[in-house]
Amino acid sequence: MFMNLSKTMFLISLISGTFIAISANSWLGAWMGLEINLLAFIPLLINPNNLLSNEAALKYFLTQALASSILLFAVIISFFYSASISLTENYSINLILINSSLLLKMGAAPFHFWFPSVMKSLDWWNCLILMTWQKIAPLVLISYSLHIKLIIGVIILSLLFGSLGGLNQTNLRSLMAFSSINHLGWILSSMIVSDNLWYTYFMFYMFLSITVVLSFNNFQIYHMSQIYSLMNFNPLMKFILFTNLLSLGGLPPFLGFLPKLMVIQMISETKMLFLIFFMVITTLITLFFYIRITYSAFMLMYPLPKWISTNFQSNMFIMLILNSFSIMGLLIFSLIYSIY
């Protein structure tokens, strides 16, 4: 009971820290909100029964402390140059430092060295928070102070490392980490065009991540070998799980294709054709390792275990609703747009 109350308190502090950071009118207030968010997330990562999670919490704390110190240093430089720490008054000399510190907090390439190793040691709920909620405050702050040349370089590297890094992964949490890095490249590229566009893309990404992580957590699947053995008891659930992975990768019949289509359409109006070409090629690489997993699960025969005693009915109704919207969401949106 005490553990549940303490985790609830830290979760509320985590959410409050994010709102403080995105609603601040100065860099010092934003830094304070990021620190509250960090100090509330560390106790959620720590698990007394898992030494790997404690190691991941230490890695996360050291990385975030480094990023926070860089951000605070940039704020001091801004104060010396303009006697102001307002979010709206930024100079090129500290924009690079501010953007770099926030990109390090998110785990965007080339500052992604900590992200897969931390994700690999956490449970699925903490992975979900790290992939979605922990990116909100840095993304909003970057949108306030966008250094275009730096961001374009980060976009290309995030797309490249996110797609190539997932090719040799057997741990599903590491696979989701590299997929998140790839999606971060898409989010930053949509941020160049419009704020509303990256808001929309991020909401779709959050919904698809919740759907996939809920499925993995419900069946307690952490490695690819578990997919091939545990999911044979129910072919329907196996089909739903893998179609969700394909939707997260952006395969056209599914909902995950819609935000990518919107980003490509908007960026094509800015004549950045090389960036569009690179985004599409790296997404095809990401789809390749998703389809490789899916093909192996669907086409190869595996022995059917008879000793599974897990209660698979927990959260089943919520899972079916989320999964059906993830699979058929593109059709629903098409019908809505055709009506209006």
C-alpha atoms as a PDB file:
ATOM      1  CA  MET A   1       0.000   0.000   0.000  1.00  0.00           C
ATOM      2  CA  PHE A   2       2.802   2.415   0.915  1.00  0.00           C
ATOM      3  CA  MET A   3       4.637   1.601  -2.320  1.00  0.00           C
ATOM      4  CA  ASN A   4       1.508   2.354  -4.364  1.00  0.00           C
ATOM      5  CA  LEU A   5       1.006   5.692  -2.602  1.00  0.00           C
ATOM      6  CA  SER A   6       4.646   6.684  -3.068  1.00  0.00           C
ATOM      7  CA  LYS A   7       4.627   5.741  -6.761  1.00  0.00           C
ATOM      8  CA  THR A   8       1.413   7.714  -7.250  1.00  0.00           C
ATOM      9  CA  MET A   9       3.011  10.741  -5.600  1.00  0.00           C
ATOM     10  CA  PHE A  10       6.099  10.471  -7.812  1.00  0.00           C
ATOM     11  CA  LEU A  11       3.918  10.051 -10.902  1.00  0.00           C
ATOM     12  CA  ILE A  12       1.996  13.228 -10.047  1.00  0.00           C
ATOM     13  CA  SER A  13       5.312  15.046  -9.533  1.00  0.00           C
ATOM     14  CA  LEU A  14       6.505  13.711 -12.895  1.00  0.00           C
ATOM     15  CA  ILE A  15       3.458  15.117 -14.673  1.00  0.00           C
ATOM     16  CA  SER A  16       3.693  18.405 -12.751  1.00  0.00           C
ATOM     17  CA  GLY A  17       7.361  18.841 -13.696  1.00  0.00           C
ATOM     18  CA  THR A  18       6.495  18.480 -17.384  1.00  0.00           C
ATOM     19  CA  PHE A  19       3.705  21.065 -17.146  1.00  0.00           C
ATOM     20  CA  ILE A  20       5.974  23.480 -15.248  1.00  0.00           C
ATOM     21  CA  ALA A  21       8.638  23.141 -17.960  1.00  0.00           C
ATOM     22  CA  ILE A  22       6.314  23.711 -20.925  1.00  0.00           C
ATOM     23  CA  SER A  23       4.433  26.610 -19.289  1.00  0.00           C
ATOM     24  CA  ALA A  24       7.511  28.514 -18.048  1.00  0.00           C
ATOM     25  CA  ASN A  25       8.290  31.932 -19.509  1.00  0.00           C
ATOM     26  CA  SER A  26      12.025  31.770 -18.779  1.00  0.00           C
ATOM     27  CA  TRP A  27      14.758  29.199 -19.276  1.00  0.00           C
ATOM     28  CA  LEU A  28      15.340  29.040 -15.522  1.00  0.00           C
ATOM     29  CA  GLY A  29      11.719  28.035 -14.943  1.00  0.00           C
ATOM     30  CA  ALA A  30      11.945  25.455 -17.739  1.00  0.00           C
ATOM     31  CA  TRP A  31      15.129  24.052 -16.184  1.00  0.00           C
ATOM     32  CA  MET A  32      13.390  23.802 -12.806  1.00  0.00           C
ATOM     33  CA  GLY A  33      10.475  21.889 -14.342  1.00  0.00           C
ATOM     34  CA  LEU A  34      12.869  19.477 -16.080  1.00  0.00           C
ATOM     35  CA  GLU A  35      14.662  18.858 -12.774  1.00  0.00           C
ATOM     36  CA  ILE A  36      11.395  18.126 -10.952  1.00  0.00           C
ATOM     37  CA  ASN A  37      10.482  15.737 -13.750  1.00  0.00           C
ATOM     38  CA  LEU A  38      13.870  14.010 -13.495  1.00  0.00           C
ATOM     39  CA  LEU A  39      13.866  13.644  -9.707  1.00  0.00           C
ATOM     40  CA  ALA A  40      10.325  12.215  -9.806  1.00  0.00           C
ATOM     41  CA  PHE A  41      11.150   9.671 -12.523  1.00  0.00           C
ATOM     42  CA  ILE A  42      14.238   8.190 -10.818  1.00  0.00           C
ATOM     43  CA  PRO A  43      12.262   6.521  -7.950  1.00  0.00           C
ATOM     44  CA  LEU A  44       9.849   5.070 -10.505  1.00  0.00           C
ATOM     45  CA  LEU A  45      12.773   3.407 -12.310  1.00  0.00           C
ATOM     46  CA  ILE A  46      14.243   1.823  -9.179  1.00  0.00           C
ATOM     47  CA  ASN A  47      13.110  -1.716  -8.447  1.00  0.00           C
ATOM     48  CA  PRO A  48      14.589  -3.451  -5.347  1.00  0.00           C
ATOM     49  CA  ASN A  49      14.166  -6.855  -7.003  1.00  0.00           C
ATOM     50  CA  ASN A  50      15.980  -5.948 -10.219  1.00  0.00           C
ATOM     51  CA  LEU A  51      19.590  -4.790 -10.178  1.00  0.00           C
ATOM     52  CA  LEU A  52      19.470  -3.960 -13.892  1.00  0.00           C
ATOM     53  CA  SER A  53      16.766  -1.360 -13.304  1.00  0.00           C
ATOM     54  CA  ASN A  54      18.903   0.262 -10.596  1.00  0.00           C
ATOM     55  CA  GLU A  55      21.815   0.419 -13.030  1.00  0.00           C
ATOM     56  CA  ALA A  56      19.501   1.926 -15.677  1.00  0.00           C
ATOM     57  CA  ALA A  57      18.299   4.539 -13.152  1.00  0.00           C
ATOM     58  CA  LEU A  58      21.912   5.529 -12.450  1.00  0.00           C
ATOM     59  CA  LYS A  59      22.700   5.814 -16.187  1.00  0.00           C
ATOM     60  CA  TYR A  60      19.581   7.878 -16.734  1.00  0.00           C
ATOM     61  CA  PHE A  61      20.359  10.195 -13.805  1.00  0.00           C
ATOM     62  CA  LEU A  62      23.953  10.838 -14.909  1.00  0.00           C
ATOM     63  CA  THR A  63      22.912  11.547 -18.504  1.00  0.00           C
ATOM     64  CA  GLN A  64      20.083  13.867 -17.494  1.00  0.00           C
ATOM     65  CA  ALA A  65      22.330  15.657 -14.975  1.00  0.00           C
ATOM     66  CA  LEU A  66      24.864  16.292 -17.759  1.00  0.00           C
ATOM     67  CA  ALA A  67      22.133  17.645 -20.044  1.00  0.00           C
ATOM     68  CA  SER A  68      20.751  19.852 -17.269  1.00  0.00           C
ATOM     69  CA  SER A  69      24.193  21.298 -16.517  1.00  0.00           C
ATOM     70  CA  ILE A  70      24.680  22.125 -20.232  1.00  0.00           C
ATOM     71  CA  LEU A  71      21.248  23.800 -20.290  1.00  0.00           C
ATOM     72  CA  LEU A  72      22.046  25.821 -17.169  1.00  0.00           C
ATOM     73  CA  PHE A  73      25.396  26.852 -18.670  1.00  0.00           C
ATOM     74  CA  ALA A  74      23.579  28.042 -21.811  1.00  0.00           C
ATOM     75  CA  VAL A  75      21.142  30.025 -19.656  1.00  0.00           C
ATOM     76  CA  ILE A  76      24.067  31.753 -17.900  1.00  0.00           C
ATOM     77  CA  ILE A  77      25.640  32.624 -21.268  1.00  0.00           C
ATOM     78  CA  SER A  78      22.295  34.030 -22.431  1.00  0.00           C
ATOM     79  CA  PHE A  79      22.091  36.189 -19.307  1.00  0.00           C
ATOM     80  CA  PHE A  80      25.607  37.568 -19.876  1.00  0.00           C
ATOM     81  CA  TYR A  81      24.857  38.436 -23.511  1.00  0.00           C
ATOM     82  CA  SER A  82      21.397  39.957 -23.147  1.00  0.00           C
ATOM     83  CA  ALA A  83      20.782  40.345 -19.383  1.00  0.00           C
ATOM     84  CA  SER A  84      17.676  38.201 -19.988  1.00  0.00           C
ATOM     85  CA  ILE A  85      16.756  34.525 -19.662  1.00  0.00           C
ATOM     86  CA  SER A  86      13.460  34.780 -21.547  1.00  0.00           C
ATOM     87  CA  LEU A  87      12.449  31.963 -23.845  1.00  0.00           C
ATOM     88  CA  THR A  88      11.908  34.401 -26.705  1.00  0.00           C
ATOM     89  CA  GLU A  89      15.348  36.069 -26.630  1.00  0.00           C
ATOM     90  CA  ASN A  90      17.915  33.617 -27.959  1.00  0.00           C
ATOM     91  CA  TYR A  91      21.223  34.062 -29.753  1.00  0.00           C
ATOM     92  CA  SER A  92      23.042  31.669 -32.041  1.00  0.00           C
ATOM     93  CA  ILE A  93      25.854  31.154 -29.551  1.00  0.00           C
ATOM     94  CA  ASN A  94      23.581  29.539 -26.967  1.00  0.00           C
ATOM     95  CA  LEU A  95      20.884  28.077 -29.252  1.00  0.00           C
ATOM     96  CA  ILE A  96      23.221  25.206 -30.154  1.00  0.00           C
ATOM     97  CA  LEU A  97      23.927  24.496 -26.470  1.00  0.00           C
ATOM     98  CA  ILE A  98      20.247  24.662 -25.528  1.00  0.00           C
ATOM     99  CA  ASN A  99      19.155  22.425 -28.422  1.00  0.00           C
ATOM    100  CA  SER A 100      21.969  19.947 -27.742  1.00  0.00           C
ATOM    101  CA  SER A 101      21.059  19.621 -24.055  1.00  0.00           C
ATOM    102  CA  LEU A 102      17.385  19.044 -24.869  1.00  0.00           C
ATOM    103  CA  LEU A 103      18.249  16.527 -27.590  1.00  0.00           C
ATOM    104  CA  LEU A 104      20.449  14.693 -25.080  1.00  0.00           C
ATOM    105  CA  LYS A 105      17.510  14.568 -22.662  1.00  0.00           C
ATOM    106  CA  MET A 106      15.320  12.978 -25.370  1.00  0.00           C
ATOM    107  CA  GLY A 107      17.923  10.538 -26.655  1.00  0.00           C
ATOM    108  CA  ALA A 108      18.030  11.814 -30.234  1.00  0.00           C
ATOM    109  CA  ALA A 109      21.043  10.836 -32.356  1.00  0.00           C
ATOM    110  CA  PRO A 110      23.975  11.484 -32.061  1.00  0.00           C
ATOM    111  CA  PHE A 111      23.149  11.822 -28.326  1.00  0.00           C
ATOM    112  CA  HIS A 112      21.346   8.469 -28.225  1.00  0.00           C
ATOM    113  CA  PHE A 113      24.126   6.378 -26.619  1.00  0.00           C
ATOM    114  CA  TRP A 114      22.249   6.002 -23.306  1.00  0.00           C
ATOM    115  CA  PHE A 115      18.716   5.434 -24.587  1.00  0.00           C
ATOM    116  CA  PRO A 116      18.770   1.759 -25.773  1.00  0.00           C
ATOM    117  CA  SER A 117      20.835   0.562 -22.795  1.00  0.00           C
ATOM    118  CA  VAL A 118      18.458   2.221 -20.314  1.00  0.00           C
ATOM    119  CA  MET A 119      15.364   0.926 -22.116  1.00  0.00           C
ATOM    120  CA  LYS A 120      16.778  -2.590 -22.162  1.00  0.00           C
ATOM    121  CA  SER A 121      16.781  -2.820 -18.347  1.00  0.00           C
ATOM    122  CA  LEU A 122      13.320  -1.419 -17.547  1.00  0.00           C
ATOM    123  CA  ASP A 123       9.849  -2.900 -17.350  1.00  0.00           C
ATOM    124  CA  TRP A 124       7.319  -2.043 -20.027  1.00  0.00           C
ATOM    125  CA  TRP A 125       5.493   0.726 -18.131  1.00  0.00           C
ATOM    126  CA  ASN A 126       8.711   2.642 -17.473  1.00  0.00           C
ATOM    127  CA  CYS A 127       9.703   2.079 -21.106  1.00  0.00           C
ATOM    128  CA  LEU A 128       6.392   3.617 -22.174  1.00  0.00           C
ATOM    129  CA  ILE A 129       6.940   6.688 -19.981  1.00  0.00           C
ATOM    130  CA  LEU A 130      10.499   7.054 -21.300  1.00  0.00           C
ATOM    131  CA  MET A 131       9.396   6.749 -24.944  1.00  0.00           C
ATOM    132  CA  THR A 132       6.418   9.113 -24.744  1.00  0.00           C
ATOM    133  CA  TRP A 133       5.891  11.379 -21.729  1.00  0.00           C
ATOM    134  CA  GLN A 134       9.569  12.141 -21.079  1.00  0.00           C
ATOM    135  CA  LYS A 135       9.896  13.538 -24.598  1.00  0.00           C
ATOM    136  CA  ILE A 136       7.106  16.115 -24.283  1.00  0.00           C
ATOM    137  CA  ALA A 137       8.926  18.842 -22.335  1.00  0.00           C
ATOM    138  CA  PRO A 138      12.198  18.744 -24.384  1.00  0.00           C
ATOM    139  CA  LEU A 139      10.257  18.757 -27.663  1.00  0.00           C
ATOM    140  CA  VAL A 140       8.142  21.746 -26.645  1.00  0.00           C
ATOM    141  CA  LEU A 141      11.233  23.658 -25.464  1.00  0.00           C
ATOM    142  CA  ILE A 142      13.058  22.861 -28.714  1.00  0.00           C
ATOM    143  CA  SER A 143      10.092  24.202 -30.682  1.00  0.00           C
ATOM    144  CA  TYR A 144      10.564  27.506 -28.806  1.00  0.00           C
ATOM    145  CA  SER A 145      14.218  27.789 -29.853  1.00  0.00           C
ATOM    146  CA  LEU A 146      14.787  25.905 -33.092  1.00  0.00           C
ATOM    147  CA  HIS A 147      18.289  25.927 -34.604  1.00  0.00           C
ATOM    148  CA  ILE A 148      17.447  24.745 -38.129  1.00  0.00           C
ATOM    149  CA  LYS A 149      20.904  23.608 -39.281  1.00  0.00           C
ATOM    150  CA  LEU A 150      21.552  21.594 -36.108  1.00  0.00           C
ATOM    151  CA  ILE A 151      18.071  20.058 -36.167  1.00  0.00           C
ATOM    152  CA  ILE A 152      18.394  18.941 -39.813  1.00  0.00           C
ATOM    153  CA  GLY A 153      21.661  17.169 -38.978  1.00  0.00           C
ATOM    154  CA  VAL A 154      20.027  15.524 -35.951  1.00  0.00           C
ATOM    155  CA  ILE A 155      17.050  14.456 -38.091  1.00  0.00           C
ATOM    156  CA  ILE A 156      19.306  12.686 -40.604  1.00  0.00           C
ATOM    157  CA  LEU A 157      21.355  10.969 -37.886  1.00  0.00           C
ATOM    158  CA  SER A 158      18.257   9.938 -35.906  1.00  0.00           C
ATOM    159  CA  LEU A 159      16.663   8.421 -38.990  1.00  0.00           C
ATOM    160  CA  LEU A 160      19.898   6.611 -39.866  1.00  0.00           C
ATOM    161  CA  PHE A 161      20.781   5.255 -36.417  1.00  0.00           C
ATOM    162  CA  GLY A 162      17.157   4.472 -35.572  1.00  0.00           C
ATOM    163  CA  SER A 163      16.705   2.345 -38.684  1.00  0.00           C
ATOM    164  CA  LEU A 164      20.096   0.597 -38.826  1.00  0.00           C
ATOM    165  CA  GLY A 165      20.346   0.056 -35.067  1.00  0.00           C
ATOM    166  CA  GLY A 166      17.264  -2.133 -34.948  1.00  0.00           C
ATOM    167  CA  LEU A 167      18.444  -4.628 -37.562  1.00  0.00           C
ATOM    168  CA  ASN A 168      20.398  -6.910 -35.198  1.00  0.00           C
ATOM    169  CA  GLN A 169      18.209  -6.628 -32.086  1.00  0.00           C
ATOM    170  CA  THR A 170      16.559  -9.596 -30.394  1.00  0.00           C
ATOM    171  CA  ASN A 171      15.470  -7.703 -27.285  1.00  0.00           C
ATOM    172  CA  LEU A 172      12.090  -6.085 -27.943  1.00  0.00           C
ATOM    173  CA  ARG A 173      12.780  -3.163 -25.592  1.00  0.00           C
ATOM    174  CA  SER A 174      15.947  -2.302 -27.526  1.00  0.00           C
ATOM    175  CA  LEU A 175      13.969  -2.661 -30.750  1.00  0.00           C
ATOM    176  CA  MET A 176      11.355  -0.208 -29.473  1.00  0.00           C
ATOM    177  CA  ALA A 177      14.146   2.155 -28.379  1.00  0.00           C
ATOM    178  CA  PHE A 178      15.652   2.330 -31.870  1.00  0.00           C
ATOM    179  CA  SER A 179      12.162   2.657 -33.339  1.00  0.00           C
ATOM    180  CA  SER A 180      11.593   5.599 -30.987  1.00  0.00           C
ATOM    181  CA  ILE A 181      14.820   7.244 -32.194  1.00  0.00           C
ATOM    182  CA  ASN A 182      13.615   6.848 -35.785  1.00  0.00           C
ATOM    183  CA  HIS A 183      10.217   8.355 -34.942  1.00  0.00           C
ATOM    184  CA  LEU A 184      12.013  11.216 -33.196  1.00  0.00           C
ATOM    185  CA  GLY A 185      13.595  12.082 -36.541  1.00  0.00           C
ATOM    186  CA  TRP A 186      10.108  12.302 -38.073  1.00  0.00           C
ATOM    187  CA  ILE A 187       8.826  14.435 -35.185  1.00  0.00           C
ATOM    188  CA  LEU A 188      11.727  16.896 -35.501  1.00  0.00           C
ATOM    189  CA  SER A 189      11.274  17.096 -39.273  1.00  0.00           C
ATOM    190  CA  SER A 190       7.583  17.903 -38.797  1.00  0.00           C
ATOM    191  CA  MET A 191       8.583  20.537 -36.238  1.00  0.00           C
ATOM    192  CA  ILE A 192      10.471  22.429 -38.966  1.00  0.00           C
ATOM    193  CA  VAL A 193       7.242  22.801 -40.945  1.00  0.00           C
ATOM    194  CA  SER A 194       4.545  23.427 -38.339  1.00  0.00           C
ATOM    195  CA  ASP A 195       3.864  23.147 -34.616  1.00  0.00           C
ATOM    196  CA  ASN A 196       0.435  21.629 -35.203  1.00  0.00           C
ATOM    197  CA  LEU A 197       1.999  18.951 -37.425  1.00  0.00           C
ATOM    198  CA  TRP A 198       4.420  17.679 -34.812  1.00  0.00           C
ATOM    199  CA  TYR A 199       1.688  17.784 -32.159  1.00  0.00           C
ATOM    200  CA  THR A 200      -0.424  15.555 -34.408  1.00  0.00           C
ATOM    201  CA  TYR A 201       2.429  13.182 -35.220  1.00  0.00           C
ATOM    202  CA  PHE A 202       3.391  12.871 -31.554  1.00  0.00           C
ATOM    203  CA  MET A 203      -0.200  12.060 -30.525  1.00  0.00           C
ATOM    204  CA  PHE A 204      -0.384   9.299 -33.144  1.00  0.00           C
ATOM    205  CA  TYR A 205       3.025   7.977 -32.052  1.00  0.00           C
ATOM    206  CA  MET A 206       1.956   7.993 -28.390  1.00  0.00           C
ATOM    207  CA  PHE A 207      -1.260   6.115 -29.183  1.00  0.00           C
ATOM    208  CA  LEU A 208       0.529   3.430 -31.227  1.00  0.00           C
ATOM    209  CA  SER A 209       3.257   3.045 -28.571  1.00  0.00           C
ATOM    210  CA  ILE A 210       0.647   2.586 -25.845  1.00  0.00           C
ATOM    211  CA  THR A 211      -1.105  -0.053 -27.959  1.00  0.00           C
ATOM    212  CA  VAL A 212       2.069  -2.064 -28.638  1.00  0.00           C
ATOM    213  CA  VAL A 213       3.460  -1.768 -25.098  1.00  0.00           C
ATOM    214  CA  LEU A 214       0.118  -2.762 -23.562  1.00  0.00           C
ATOM    215  CA  SER A 215       0.155  -5.926 -25.680  1.00  0.00           C
ATOM    216  CA  PHE A 216       3.745  -6.774 -24.743  1.00  0.00           C
ATOM    217  CA  ASN A 217       3.121  -6.086 -21.058  1.00  0.00           C
ATOM    218  CA  ASN A 218      -0.081  -8.102 -20.946  1.00  0.00           C
ATOM    219  CA  PHE A 219       1.739 -11.201 -22.218  1.00  0.00           C
ATOM    220  CA  GLN A 220       5.033 -10.358 -20.443  1.00  0.00           C
ATOM    221  CA  ILE A 221       7.021 -10.593 -23.680  1.00  0.00           C
ATOM    222  CA  TYR A 222      10.540  -9.152 -23.666  1.00  0.00           C
ATOM    223  CA  HIS A 223      12.420 -11.147 -26.343  1.00  0.00           C
ATOM    224  CA  MET A 224      11.636 -12.314 -29.857  1.00  0.00           C
ATOM    225  CA  SER A 225      11.921 -15.976 -28.873  1.00  0.00           C
ATOM    226  CA  GLN A 226       9.004 -15.460 -26.477  1.00  0.00           C
ATOM    227  CA  ILE A 227       6.867 -14.142 -29.321  1.00  0.00           C
ATOM    228  CA  TYR A 228       7.320 -17.332 -31.331  1.00  0.00           C
ATOM    229  CA  SER A 229       6.583 -19.623 -28.375  1.00  0.00           C
ATOM    230  CA  LEU A 230       4.021 -17.792 -26.230  1.00  0.00           C
ATOM    231  CA  MET A 231       1.808 -16.384 -28.958  1.00  0.00           C
ATOM    232  CA  ASN A 232       0.936 -19.678 -30.654  1.00  0.00           C
ATOM    233  CA  PHE A 233      -1.854 -20.359 -28.186  1.00  0.00           C
ATOM    234  CA  ASN A 234      -3.989 -17.647 -29.806  1.00  0.00           C
ATOM    235  CA  PRO A 235      -3.501 -16.919 -33.524  1.00  0.00           C
ATOM    236  CA  LEU A 236      -5.858 -13.905 -33.371  1.00  0.00           C
ATOM    237  CA  MET A 237      -3.812 -12.149 -30.695  1.00  0.00           C
ATOM    238  CA  LYS A 238      -0.628 -12.932 -32.589  1.00  0.00           C
ATOM    239  CA  PHE A 239      -2.121 -11.376 -35.718  1.00  0.00           C
ATOM    240  CA  ILE A 240      -3.225  -8.256 -33.798  1.00  0.00           C
ATOM    241  CA  LEU A 241       0.167  -7.833 -32.105  1.00  0.00           C
ATOM    242  CA  PHE A 242       2.156  -8.011 -35.333  1.00  0.00           C
ATOM    243  CA  THR A 243      -0.199  -5.797 -37.284  1.00  0.00           C
ATOM    244  CA  ASN A 244       0.301  -3.225 -34.527  1.00  0.00           C
ATOM    245  CA  LEU A 245       4.056  -3.470 -35.038  1.00  0.00           C
ATOM    246  CA  LEU A 246       3.558  -2.897 -38.752  1.00  0.00           C
ATOM    247  CA  SER A 247       1.293   0.048 -37.962  1.00  0.00           C
ATOM    248  CA  LEU A 248       4.010   1.531 -35.723  1.00  0.00           C
ATOM    249  CA  GLY A 249       6.442   1.101 -38.604  1.00  0.00           C
ATOM    250  CA  GLY A 250       4.114   3.003 -40.952  1.00  0.00           C
ATOM    251  CA  LEU A 251       2.849   0.334 -43.358  1.00  0.00           C
ATOM    252  CA  PRO A 252       0.152   1.958 -45.546  1.00  0.00           C
ATOM    253  CA  PRO A 253      -3.032   0.009 -44.723  1.00  0.00           C
ATOM    254  CA  PHE A 254      -2.752   0.860 -41.032  1.00  0.00           C
ATOM    255  CA  LEU A 255      -3.104   3.981 -38.891  1.00  0.00           C
ATOM    256  CA  GLY A 256       0.653   4.563 -38.511  1.00  0.00           C
ATOM    257  CA  PHE A 257       0.870   5.497 -42.181  1.00  0.00           C
ATOM    258  CA  LEU A 258      -1.387   8.549 -41.758  1.00  0.00           C
ATOM    259  CA  PRO A 259       0.993  10.834 -39.768  1.00  0.00           C
ATOM    260  CA  LYS A 260       3.900   9.903 -42.058  1.00  0.00           C
ATOM    261  CA  LEU A 261       1.784  10.791 -45.087  1.00  0.00           C
ATOM    262  CA  MET A 262       0.907  14.152 -43.516  1.00  0.00           C
ATOM    263  CA  VAL A 263       4.579  14.922 -42.801  1.00  0.00           C
ATOM    264  CA  ILE A 264       5.676  13.963 -46.339  1.00  0.00           C
ATOM    265  CA  GLN A 265       2.905  16.088 -47.854  1.00  0.00           C
ATOM    266  CA  MET A 266       3.801  19.158 -45.759  1.00  0.00           C
ATOM    267  CA  ILE A 267       7.572  18.858 -46.252  1.00  0.00           C
ATOM    268  CA  SER A 268       7.127  18.424 -50.020  1.00  0.00           C
ATOM    269  CA  GLU A 269       5.658  21.941 -50.100  1.00  0.00           C
ATOM    270  CA  THR A 270       8.976  23.287 -48.727  1.00  0.00           C
ATOM    271  CA  LYS A 271      10.927  21.611 -51.607  1.00  0.00           C
ATOM    272  CA  MET A 272      13.185  19.643 -49.194  1.00  0.00           C
ATOM    273  CA  LEU A 273      13.230  16.640 -51.519  1.00  0.00           C
ATOM    274  CA  PHE A 274      16.464  15.074 -50.239  1.00  0.00           C
ATOM    275  CA  LEU A 275      15.093  15.015 -46.689  1.00  0.00           C
ATOM    276  CA  ILE A 276      11.880  13.330 -47.877  1.00  0.00           C
ATOM    277  CA  PHE A 277      13.890  10.750 -49.832  1.00  0.00           C
ATOM    278  CA  PHE A 278      16.077   9.987 -46.804  1.00  0.00           C
ATOM    279  CA  MET A 279      13.054   9.719 -44.492  1.00  0.00           C
ATOM    280  CA  VAL A 280      11.299   7.259 -46.797  1.00  0.00           C
ATOM    281  CA  ILE A 281      14.416   5.093 -47.307  1.00  0.00           C
ATOM    282  CA  THR A 282      15.148   4.811 -43.574  1.00  0.00           C
ATOM    283  CA  THR A 283      11.496   4.025 -42.844  1.00  0.00           C
ATOM    284  CA  LEU A 284      11.693   1.186 -45.368  1.00  0.00           C
ATOM    285  CA  ILE A 285      14.669  -0.188 -43.428  1.00  0.00           C
ATOM    286  CA  THR A 286      12.628   0.040 -40.216  1.00  0.00           C
ATOM    287  CA  LEU A 287       9.753  -1.745 -41.904  1.00  0.00           C
ATOM    288  CA  PHE A 288      12.183  -4.418 -43.102  1.00  0.00           C
ATOM    289  CA  PHE A 289      13.032  -5.647 -39.612  1.00  0.00           C
ATOM    290  CA  TYR A 290       9.380  -5.420 -38.538  1.00  0.00           C
ATOM    291  CA  ILE A 291       8.272  -7.445 -41.558  1.00  0.00           C
ATOM    292  CA  ARG A 292      11.117  -9.927 -40.958  1.00  0.00           C
ATOM    293  CA  ILE A 293       9.783 -10.623 -37.459  1.00  0.00           C
ATOM    294  CA  THR A 294       6.190 -10.766 -38.683  1.00  0.00           C
ATOM    295  CA  TYR A 295       6.974 -13.086 -41.592  1.00  0.00           C
ATOM    296  CA  SER A 296       8.824 -15.515 -39.317  1.00  0.00           C
ATOM    297  CA  ALA A 297       5.947 -15.576 -36.840  1.00  0.00           C
ATOM    298  CA  PHE A 298       3.215 -16.021 -39.451  1.00  0.00           C
ATOM    299  CA  MET A 299       4.858 -18.404 -41.912  1.00  0.00           C
ATOM    300  CA  LEU A 300       6.984 -20.736 -39.761  1.00  0.00           C
ATOM    301  CA  MET A 301       5.563 -23.504 -37.595  1.00  0.00           C
ATOM    302  CA  TYR A 302       6.460 -23.636 -33.903  1.00  0.00           C
ATOM    303  CA  PRO A 303       5.552 -26.175 -31.208  1.00  0.00           C
ATOM    304  CA  LEU A 304       2.375 -25.364 -29.294  1.00  0.00           C
ATOM    305  CA  PRO A 305       3.039 -25.163 -25.520  1.00  0.00           C
ATOM    306  CA  LYS A 306       0.438 -26.693 -23.198  1.00  0.00           C
ATOM    307  CA  TRP A 307       1.735 -25.433 -19.848  1.00  0.00           C
ATOM    308  CA  ILE A 308       0.993 -21.676 -20.065  1.00  0.00           C
ATOM    309  CA  SER A 309      -0.975 -20.587 -16.986  1.00  0.00           C
ATOM    310  CA  THR A 310      -0.914 -16.804 -17.444  1.00  0.00           C
ATOM    311  CA  ASN A 311      -4.211 -14.952 -17.207  1.00  0.00           C
ATOM    312  CA  PHE A 312      -4.498 -13.490 -20.676  1.00  0.00           C
ATOM    313  CA  GLN A 313      -7.925 -11.966 -20.055  1.00  0.00           C
ATOM    314  CA  SER A 314      -6.563  -8.993 -18.104  1.00  0.00           C
ATOM    315  CA  ASN A 315      -7.028  -5.727 -19.995  1.00  0.00           C
ATOM    316  CA  MET A 316      -8.269  -7.741 -22.975  1.00  0.00           C
ATOM    317  CA  PHE A 317     -11.224  -5.460 -23.720  1.00  0.00           C
ATOM    318  CA  ILE A 318      -9.066  -2.305 -23.695  1.00  0.00           C
ATOM    319  CA  MET A 319      -6.471  -4.056 -25.849  1.00  0.00           C
ATOM    320  CA  LEU A 320      -9.036  -5.074 -28.454  1.00  0.00           C
ATOM    321  CA  ILE A 321     -10.416  -1.505 -28.701  1.00  0.00           C
ATOM    322  CA  LEU A 322      -6.959   0.063 -29.065  1.00  0.00           C
ATOM    323  CA  ASN A 323      -5.780  -2.604 -31.488  1.00  0.00           C
ATOM    324  CA  SER A 324      -8.849  -2.366 -33.701  1.00  0.00           C
ATOM    325  CA  PHE A 325      -8.448   1.423 -33.937  1.00  0.00           C
ATOM    326  CA  SER A 326      -4.735   1.003 -34.693  1.00  0.00           C
ATOM    327  CA  ILE A 327      -5.445  -1.471 -37.483  1.00  0.00           C
ATOM    328  CA  MET A 328      -8.530   0.162 -39.018  1.00  0.00           C
ATOM    329  CA  GLY A 329      -7.858   3.798 -38.051  1.00  0.00           C
ATOM    330  CA  LEU A 330      -6.769   4.825 -41.540  1.00  0.00           C
ATOM    331  CA  LEU A 331     -10.078   3.594 -42.966  1.00  0.00           C
ATOM    332  CA  ILE A 332     -12.020   5.486 -40.267  1.00  0.00           C
ATOM    333  CA  PHE A 333     -10.149   8.743 -40.950  1.00  0.00           C
ATOM    334  CA  SER A 334     -10.656   8.293 -44.704  1.00  0.00           C
ATOM    335  CA  LEU A 335     -14.414   7.915 -44.213  1.00  0.00           C
ATOM    336  CA  ILE A 336     -14.560  10.995 -41.958  1.00  0.00           C
ATOM    337  CA  TYR A 337     -12.667  13.152 -44.481  1.00  0.00           C
ATOM    338  CA  SER A 338     -14.807  11.875 -47.352  1.00  0.00           C
ATOM    339  CA  ILE A 339     -17.981  12.867 -45.458  1.00  0.00           C
ATOM    340  CA  TYR A 340     -16.766  16.383 -44.685  1.00  0.00           C
END
